[in-house]
Amino acid sequence: MKRFLFALMAVLAASVCSFAQNDTLKVLAIGNSFSDDAMEYLPSFVDNLECEHVELARLYIGGCSLERHVREYRQGNASYQFYHYDYDAYEPESDKIHKWEKDSELRTMEYALKMGEWDIITMQQVSGYSGKWESFQPHLDELVEIVRKYQPKARLAWHMTWSYSSDSNHGDFKRYNNDQETMTNAIVATARKVYEETPHFDYLIPSGVAIEALRNT
């Protein structure tokens, strides 16, 4: 199923090649393990993209919520694992052409936001609260404001998470009565609110819907 998510990310990247600044498509993910999973194999799609130059990066803290992202930035904490991929850095026959480079030290959010001009920046809520709208604000608006401070031209994408497996023992599953369908419906509802009722996002990556469709076929 994760490979399907990688395909979704590749389709997104391919569809917006025309928006690349300076002839390079640059995509940054600010997230947690869900964005980490979704980005992991994206470099393997680069050869098939119509963009000749692609640069990818992801800021990762496991289980990181919107609220924590804002707090980490305001406190100036170097607490993010930072992965970077630059297609132009490798020769076509290189063994490293589809591999991420992980920084040896933890980074701040500001560090990534200052790395030139990003074309697309993705965001997401931590999985346990991804279906709880009351957990989004004011943190979502605050995070967008932070991103816009450094990246006023970037297009923003909301990356929908997916529900836990039906037999999950995750502590946050009880927020949804330990019911997968309840959690899925809640995630879809909040994602729609983010995309349709806030002015921030140009794209919605419907990973949660894709996973649920695969589970039921």
C-alpha atoms as a PDB file:
ATOM      1  CA  MET A   1       0.000   0.000   0.000  1.00  0.00           C
ATOM      2  CA  LYS A   2       2.840   2.398   0.728  1.00  0.00           C
ATOM      3  CA  ARG A   3       4.014   2.063  -2.862  1.00  0.00           C
ATOM      4  CA  PHE A   4       0.653   3.473  -3.911  1.00  0.00           C
ATOM      5  CA  LEU A   5       1.348   6.521  -1.749  1.00  0.00           C
ATOM      6  CA  PHE A   6       4.693   6.988  -3.405  1.00  0.00           C
ATOM      7  CA  ALA A   7       2.898   6.984  -6.759  1.00  0.00           C
ATOM      8  CA  LEU A   8       0.505   9.655  -5.516  1.00  0.00           C
ATOM      9  CA  MET A   9       3.420  11.857  -4.525  1.00  0.00           C
ATOM     10  CA  ALA A  10       5.029  11.319  -7.919  1.00  0.00           C
ATOM     11  CA  VAL A  11       1.837  12.242  -9.740  1.00  0.00           C
ATOM     12  CA  LEU A  12       1.609  15.406  -7.670  1.00  0.00           C
ATOM     13  CA  ALA A  13       5.184  16.329  -8.496  1.00  0.00           C
ATOM     14  CA  ALA A  14       4.733  15.614 -12.195  1.00  0.00           C
ATOM     15  CA  SER A  15       1.516  17.618 -12.400  1.00  0.00           C
ATOM     16  CA  VAL A  16       3.125  20.792 -11.085  1.00  0.00           C
ATOM     17  CA  CYS A  17       6.396  20.787 -13.014  1.00  0.00           C
ATOM     18  CA  SER A  18       5.256  23.936 -14.771  1.00  0.00           C
ATOM     19  CA  PHE A  19       5.335  25.757 -11.426  1.00  0.00           C
ATOM     20  CA  ALA A  20       8.996  25.033 -10.758  1.00  0.00           C
ATOM     21  CA  GLN A  21      11.101  28.104 -10.054  1.00  0.00           C
ATOM     22  CA  ASN A  22      14.542  28.445 -11.628  1.00  0.00           C
ATOM     23  CA  ASP A  23      13.994  25.279 -13.744  1.00  0.00           C
ATOM     24  CA  THR A  24      14.137  22.995 -10.702  1.00  0.00           C
ATOM     25  CA  LEU A  25      11.147  21.387  -8.999  1.00  0.00           C
ATOM     26  CA  LYS A  26      11.751  21.638  -5.236  1.00  0.00           C
ATOM     27  CA  VAL A  27       9.491  19.818  -2.754  1.00  0.00           C
ATOM     28  CA  LEU A  28       9.778  20.054   1.055  1.00  0.00           C
ATOM     29  CA  ALA A  29       7.739  17.989   3.520  1.00  0.00           C
ATOM     30  CA  ILE A  30       7.211  19.240   7.076  1.00  0.00           C
ATOM     31  CA  GLY A  31       5.802  16.327   8.997  1.00  0.00           C
ATOM     32  CA  ASN A  32       6.191  13.103  10.888  1.00  0.00           C
ATOM     33  CA  SER A  33       6.427   9.376  10.147  1.00  0.00           C
ATOM     34  CA  PHE A  34       3.537   9.525   7.664  1.00  0.00           C
ATOM     35  CA  SER A  35       5.286  12.089   5.469  1.00  0.00           C
ATOM     36  CA  ASP A  36       8.533  10.214   6.023  1.00  0.00           C
ATOM     37  CA  ASP A  37       6.946   7.059   4.581  1.00  0.00           C
ATOM     38  CA  ALA A  38       5.344   8.898   1.685  1.00  0.00           C
ATOM     39  CA  MET A  39       8.592  10.541   0.608  1.00  0.00           C
ATOM     40  CA  GLU A  40      10.973   7.602   1.110  1.00  0.00           C
ATOM     41  CA  TYR A  41      10.806   6.133  -2.394  1.00  0.00           C
ATOM     42  CA  LEU A  42       9.896   9.280  -4.281  1.00  0.00           C
ATOM     43  CA  PRO A  43      13.441   9.633  -5.709  1.00  0.00           C
ATOM     44  CA  SER A  44      12.898   6.386  -7.626  1.00  0.00           C
ATOM     45  CA  PHE A  45      10.223   8.181  -9.647  1.00  0.00           C
ATOM     46  CA  VAL A  46      12.445  11.076 -10.611  1.00  0.00           C
ATOM     47  CA  ASP A  47      13.653   9.406 -13.798  1.00  0.00           C
ATOM     48  CA  ASN A  48      10.063   9.265 -15.049  1.00  0.00           C
ATOM     49  CA  LEU A  49       9.164  12.862 -14.240  1.00  0.00           C
ATOM     50  CA  GLU A  50       9.056  15.376 -17.043  1.00  0.00           C
ATOM     51  CA  CYS A  51      11.039  17.793 -14.878  1.00  0.00           C
ATOM     52  CA  GLU A  52      14.727  17.598 -15.666  1.00  0.00           C
ATOM     53  CA  HIS A  53      15.830  18.869 -12.241  1.00  0.00           C
ATOM     54  CA  VAL A  54      14.267  17.774  -8.951  1.00  0.00           C
ATOM     55  CA  GLU A  55      15.242  18.536  -5.355  1.00  0.00           C
ATOM     56  CA  LEU A  56      13.435  16.965  -2.398  1.00  0.00           C
ATOM     57  CA  ALA A  57      13.710  17.340   1.369  1.00  0.00           C
ATOM     58  CA  ARG A  58      11.859  16.291   4.470  1.00  0.00           C
ATOM     59  CA  LEU A  59      11.862  17.512   8.058  1.00  0.00           C
ATOM     60  CA  TYR A  60      10.928  14.673  10.373  1.00  0.00           C
ATOM     61  CA  ILE A  61      10.022  14.276  14.027  1.00  0.00           C
ATOM     62  CA  GLY A  62       8.154  11.094  14.889  1.00  0.00           C
ATOM     63  CA  GLY A  63       4.603  11.779  16.097  1.00  0.00           C
ATOM     64  CA  CYS A  64       4.947  15.518  15.540  1.00  0.00           C
ATOM     65  CA  SER A  65       1.727  17.533  15.695  1.00  0.00           C
ATOM     66  CA  LEU A  66       0.964  20.923  14.185  1.00  0.00           C
ATOM     67  CA  GLU A  67       1.185  22.400  17.663  1.00  0.00           C
ATOM     68  CA  ARG A  68       4.649  20.947  18.210  1.00  0.00           C
ATOM     69  CA  HIS A  69       5.927  22.132  14.823  1.00  0.00           C
ATOM     70  CA  VAL A  70       5.033  25.687  15.833  1.00  0.00           C
ATOM     71  CA  ARG A  71       6.632  25.251  19.260  1.00  0.00           C
ATOM     72  CA  GLU A  72       9.842  23.792  17.817  1.00  0.00           C
ATOM     73  CA  TYR A  73      10.162  26.768  15.484  1.00  0.00           C
ATOM     74  CA  ARG A  74       9.475  29.402  18.127  1.00  0.00           C
ATOM     75  CA  GLN A  75      11.993  27.867  20.500  1.00  0.00           C
ATOM     76  CA  GLY A  76      14.561  27.566  17.716  1.00  0.00           C
ATOM     77  CA  ASN A  77      15.082  23.896  18.473  1.00  0.00           C
ATOM     78  CA  ALA A  78      17.364  21.822  16.271  1.00  0.00           C
ATOM     79  CA  SER A  79      15.223  18.713  16.702  1.00  0.00           C
ATOM     80  CA  TYR A  80      14.390  17.587  13.159  1.00  0.00           C
ATOM     81  CA  GLN A  81      15.967  14.735  11.290  1.00  0.00           C
ATOM     82  CA  PHE A  82      16.660  16.220   7.877  1.00  0.00           C
ATOM     83  CA  TYR A  83      16.774  14.212   4.666  1.00  0.00           C
ATOM     84  CA  HIS A  84      17.768  15.781   1.368  1.00  0.00           C
ATOM     85  CA  TYR A  85      17.766  14.540  -2.201  1.00  0.00           C
ATOM     86  CA  ASP A  86      19.125  16.449  -5.203  1.00  0.00           C
ATOM     87  CA  TYR A  87      18.811  14.639  -8.520  1.00  0.00           C
ATOM     88  CA  ASP A  88      21.390  16.905 -10.138  1.00  0.00           C
ATOM     89  CA  ALA A  89      24.020  15.877  -7.588  1.00  0.00           C
ATOM     90  CA  TYR A  90      24.406  12.382  -9.032  1.00  0.00           C
ATOM     91  CA  GLU A  91      25.571  10.911 -12.290  1.00  0.00           C
ATOM     92  CA  PRO A  92      22.870   8.938 -14.188  1.00  0.00           C
ATOM     93  CA  GLU A  93      24.596   5.613 -13.479  1.00  0.00           C
ATOM     94  CA  SER A  94      25.318   6.364  -9.830  1.00  0.00           C
ATOM     95  CA  ASP A  95      24.190   3.890  -7.172  1.00  0.00           C
ATOM     96  CA  LYS A  96      23.127   6.864  -5.058  1.00  0.00           C
ATOM     97  CA  ILE A  97      20.771   8.377  -7.611  1.00  0.00           C
ATOM     98  CA  HIS A  98      17.674   7.080  -5.813  1.00  0.00           C
ATOM     99  CA  LYS A  99      18.911   7.522  -2.249  1.00  0.00           C
ATOM    100  CA  TRP A 100      18.373  10.181   0.374  1.00  0.00           C
ATOM    101  CA  GLU A 101      21.195  11.925   2.192  1.00  0.00           C
ATOM    102  CA  LYS A 102      20.559  12.233   5.939  1.00  0.00           C
ATOM    103  CA  ASP A 103      22.249  15.112   7.749  1.00  0.00           C
ATOM    104  CA  SER A 104      24.549  13.978  10.514  1.00  0.00           C
ATOM    105  CA  GLU A 105      23.108  16.567  12.899  1.00  0.00           C
ATOM    106  CA  LEU A 106      19.583  17.608  13.793  1.00  0.00           C
ATOM    107  CA  ARG A 107      18.220  20.730  12.101  1.00  0.00           C
ATOM    108  CA  THR A 108      15.781  23.533  12.785  1.00  0.00           C
ATOM    109  CA  MET A 109      12.740  24.226  10.644  1.00  0.00           C
ATOM    110  CA  GLU A 110      14.265  27.582   9.735  1.00  0.00           C
ATOM    111  CA  TYR A 111      17.295  25.791   8.294  1.00  0.00           C
ATOM    112  CA  ALA A 112      15.146  23.994   5.721  1.00  0.00           C
ATOM    113  CA  LEU A 113      12.920  26.978   4.952  1.00  0.00           C
ATOM    114  CA  LYS A 114      15.983  29.055   4.085  1.00  0.00           C
ATOM    115  CA  MET A 115      17.280  26.567   1.508  1.00  0.00           C
ATOM    116  CA  GLY A 116      16.420  28.609  -1.562  1.00  0.00           C
ATOM    117  CA  GLU A 117      12.911  28.767  -3.011  1.00  0.00           C
ATOM    118  CA  TRP A 118      10.690  25.709  -2.525  1.00  0.00           C
ATOM    119  CA  ASP A 119       7.968  25.152  -5.116  1.00  0.00           C
ATOM    120  CA  ILE A 120       5.785  22.863  -2.995  1.00  0.00           C
ATOM    121  CA  ILE A 121       5.686  22.460   0.777  1.00  0.00           C
ATOM    122  CA  THR A 122       3.544  19.728   2.320  1.00  0.00           C
ATOM    123  CA  MET A 123       2.138  19.677   5.834  1.00  0.00           C
ATOM    124  CA  GLN A 124       0.113  17.245   7.912  1.00  0.00           C
ATOM    125  CA  GLN A 125      -1.295  16.639  11.371  1.00  0.00           C
ATOM    126  CA  VAL A 126      -0.104  13.861  13.666  1.00  0.00           C
ATOM    127  CA  SER A 127      -2.132  10.688  13.024  1.00  0.00           C
ATOM    128  CA  GLY A 128      -3.959  10.516  16.359  1.00  0.00           C
ATOM    129  CA  TYR A 129      -5.369  14.026  15.962  1.00  0.00           C
ATOM    130  CA  SER A 130      -5.766  14.019  12.172  1.00  0.00           C
ATOM    131  CA  GLY A 131      -9.516  13.536  12.521  1.00  0.00           C
ATOM    132  CA  LYS A 132      -9.961  16.040  15.347  1.00  0.00           C
ATOM    133  CA  TRP A 133     -10.559  19.508  13.921  1.00  0.00           C
ATOM    134  CA  GLU A 134     -10.279  21.166  17.326  1.00  0.00           C
ATOM    135  CA  SER A 135      -6.579  20.182  17.372  1.00  0.00           C
ATOM    136  CA  PHE A 136      -5.793  22.064  14.163  1.00  0.00           C
ATOM    137  CA  GLN A 137      -6.315  25.692  15.089  1.00  0.00           C
ATOM    138  CA  PRO A 138      -4.714  28.068  15.778  1.00  0.00           C
ATOM    139  CA  HIS A 139      -1.629  25.941  15.104  1.00  0.00           C
ATOM    140  CA  LEU A 140      -2.306  25.392  11.399  1.00  0.00           C
ATOM    141  CA  ASP A 141      -2.613  29.112  10.701  1.00  0.00           C
ATOM    142  CA  GLU A 142       0.517  29.747  12.763  1.00  0.00           C
ATOM    143  CA  LEU A 143       2.540  27.135  10.891  1.00  0.00           C
ATOM    144  CA  VAL A 144       1.429  28.521   7.546  1.00  0.00           C
ATOM    145  CA  GLU A 145       2.420  32.009   8.694  1.00  0.00           C
ATOM    146  CA  ILE A 146       5.881  30.710   9.604  1.00  0.00           C
ATOM    147  CA  VAL A 147       6.296  29.030   6.225  1.00  0.00           C
ATOM    148  CA  ARG A 148       5.078  32.113   4.357  1.00  0.00           C
ATOM    149  CA  LYS A 149       7.645  34.260   6.180  1.00  0.00           C
ATOM    150  CA  TYR A 150      10.426  32.425   4.347  1.00  0.00           C
ATOM    151  CA  GLN A 151       8.593  30.985   1.340  1.00  0.00           C
ATOM    152  CA  PRO A 152       5.954  33.445   0.099  1.00  0.00           C
ATOM    153  CA  LYS A 153       5.815  31.913  -3.398  1.00  0.00           C
ATOM    154  CA  ALA A 154       5.594  28.248  -2.463  1.00  0.00           C
ATOM    155  CA  ARG A 155       2.430  26.276  -3.202  1.00  0.00           C
ATOM    156  CA  LEU A 156       1.150  24.430  -0.166  1.00  0.00           C
ATOM    157  CA  ALA A 157      -0.190  20.870  -0.123  1.00  0.00           C
ATOM    158  CA  TRP A 158      -2.110  19.195   2.688  1.00  0.00           C
ATOM    159  CA  HIS A 159      -1.072  15.566   3.085  1.00  0.00           C
ATOM    160  CA  MET A 160      -3.981  13.525   4.457  1.00  0.00           C
ATOM    161  CA  THR A 161      -2.994  10.739   6.858  1.00  0.00           C
ATOM    162  CA  TRP A 162      -4.830   7.407   7.034  1.00  0.00           C
ATOM    163  CA  SER A 163      -6.657   5.510   9.768  1.00  0.00           C
ATOM    164  CA  TYR A 164      -5.081   2.823  11.926  1.00  0.00           C
ATOM    165  CA  SER A 165      -5.585  -0.846  11.125  1.00  0.00           C
ATOM    166  CA  SER A 166      -8.753  -2.339  12.585  1.00  0.00           C
ATOM    167  CA  ASP A 167      -6.784  -4.340  15.165  1.00  0.00           C
ATOM    168  CA  SER A 168      -4.444  -1.487  16.104  1.00  0.00           C
ATOM    169  CA  ASN A 169      -3.459  -1.047  19.753  1.00  0.00           C
ATOM    170  CA  HIS A 170      -2.322   2.549  19.206  1.00  0.00           C
ATOM    171  CA  GLY A 171      -3.152   4.667  22.221  1.00  0.00           C
ATOM    172  CA  ASP A 172      -4.892   7.344  20.145  1.00  0.00           C
ATOM    173  CA  PHE A 173      -7.243   4.858  18.481  1.00  0.00           C
ATOM    174  CA  LYS A 174      -9.633   5.231  21.405  1.00  0.00           C
ATOM    175  CA  ARG A 175     -10.318   8.792  20.243  1.00  0.00           C
ATOM    176  CA  TYR A 176     -12.250   7.129  17.415  1.00  0.00           C
ATOM    177  CA  ASN A 177     -13.870   4.384  19.517  1.00  0.00           C
ATOM    178  CA  ASN A 178     -11.234   1.956  18.187  1.00  0.00           C
ATOM    179  CA  ASP A 179     -13.166   1.905  14.917  1.00  0.00           C
ATOM    180  CA  GLN A 180     -11.353   2.213  11.588  1.00  0.00           C
ATOM    181  CA  GLU A 181     -14.345   3.534   9.648  1.00  0.00           C
ATOM    182  CA  THR A 182     -15.024   6.184  12.267  1.00  0.00           C
ATOM    183  CA  MET A 183     -11.414   7.325  12.102  1.00  0.00           C
ATOM    184  CA  THR A 184     -11.373   7.364   8.303  1.00  0.00           C
ATOM    185  CA  ASN A 185     -14.540   9.466   8.122  1.00  0.00           C
ATOM    186  CA  ALA A 186     -13.144  11.896  10.668  1.00  0.00           C
ATOM    187  CA  ILE A 187      -9.859  12.276   8.765  1.00  0.00           C
ATOM    188  CA  VAL A 188     -11.670  12.890   5.484  1.00  0.00           C
ATOM    189  CA  ALA A 189     -13.892  15.519   7.138  1.00  0.00           C
ATOM    190  CA  THR A 190     -10.971  17.448   8.628  1.00  0.00           C
ATOM    191  CA  ALA A 191      -8.965  17.250   5.394  1.00  0.00           C
ATOM    192  CA  ARG A 192     -11.903  18.764   3.539  1.00  0.00           C
ATOM    193  CA  LYS A 193     -12.066  21.571   6.081  1.00  0.00           C
ATOM    194  CA  VAL A 194      -8.368  22.254   5.660  1.00  0.00           C
ATOM    195  CA  TYR A 195      -8.583  22.288   1.876  1.00  0.00           C
ATOM    196  CA  GLU A 196     -11.963  23.931   1.346  1.00  0.00           C
ATOM    197  CA  GLU A 197     -12.425  26.188   4.354  1.00  0.00           C
ATOM    198  CA  THR A 198      -8.942  27.616   4.836  1.00  0.00           C
ATOM    199  CA  PRO A 199      -7.259  29.819   2.223  1.00  0.00           C
ATOM    200  CA  HIS A 200      -3.860  28.198   2.471  1.00  0.00           C
ATOM    201  CA  PHE A 201      -3.648  25.058   0.348  1.00  0.00           C
ATOM    202  CA  ASP A 202      -3.359  24.567  -3.402  1.00  0.00           C
ATOM    203  CA  TYR A 203      -3.334  20.767  -3.250  1.00  0.00           C
ATOM    204  CA  LEU A 204      -4.803  17.937  -1.211  1.00  0.00           C
ATOM    205  CA  ILE A 205      -2.947  14.608  -1.259  1.00  0.00           C
ATOM    206  CA  PRO A 206      -5.731  12.048  -0.514  1.00  0.00           C
ATOM    207  CA  SER A 207      -3.553   9.285   0.914  1.00  0.00           C
ATOM    208  CA  GLY A 208      -6.122   8.309   3.522  1.00  0.00           C
ATOM    209  CA  VAL A 209      -8.804   7.759   0.889  1.00  0.00           C
ATOM    210  CA  ALA A 210      -6.394   5.745  -1.259  1.00  0.00           C
ATOM    211  CA  ILE A 211      -5.414   3.462   1.623  1.00  0.00           C
ATOM    212  CA  GLU A 212      -9.034   2.853   2.580  1.00  0.00           C
ATOM    213  CA  ALA A 213      -9.917   1.996  -1.022  1.00  0.00           C
ATOM    214  CA  LEU A 214      -7.090  -0.532  -1.126  1.00  0.00           C
ATOM    215  CA  ARG A 215      -8.195  -2.063   2.156  1.00  0.00           C
ATOM    216  CA  ASN A 216     -11.678  -2.667   0.754  1.00  0.00           C
ATOM    217  CA  THR A 217     -10.655  -4.267  -2.564  1.00  0.00           C
END
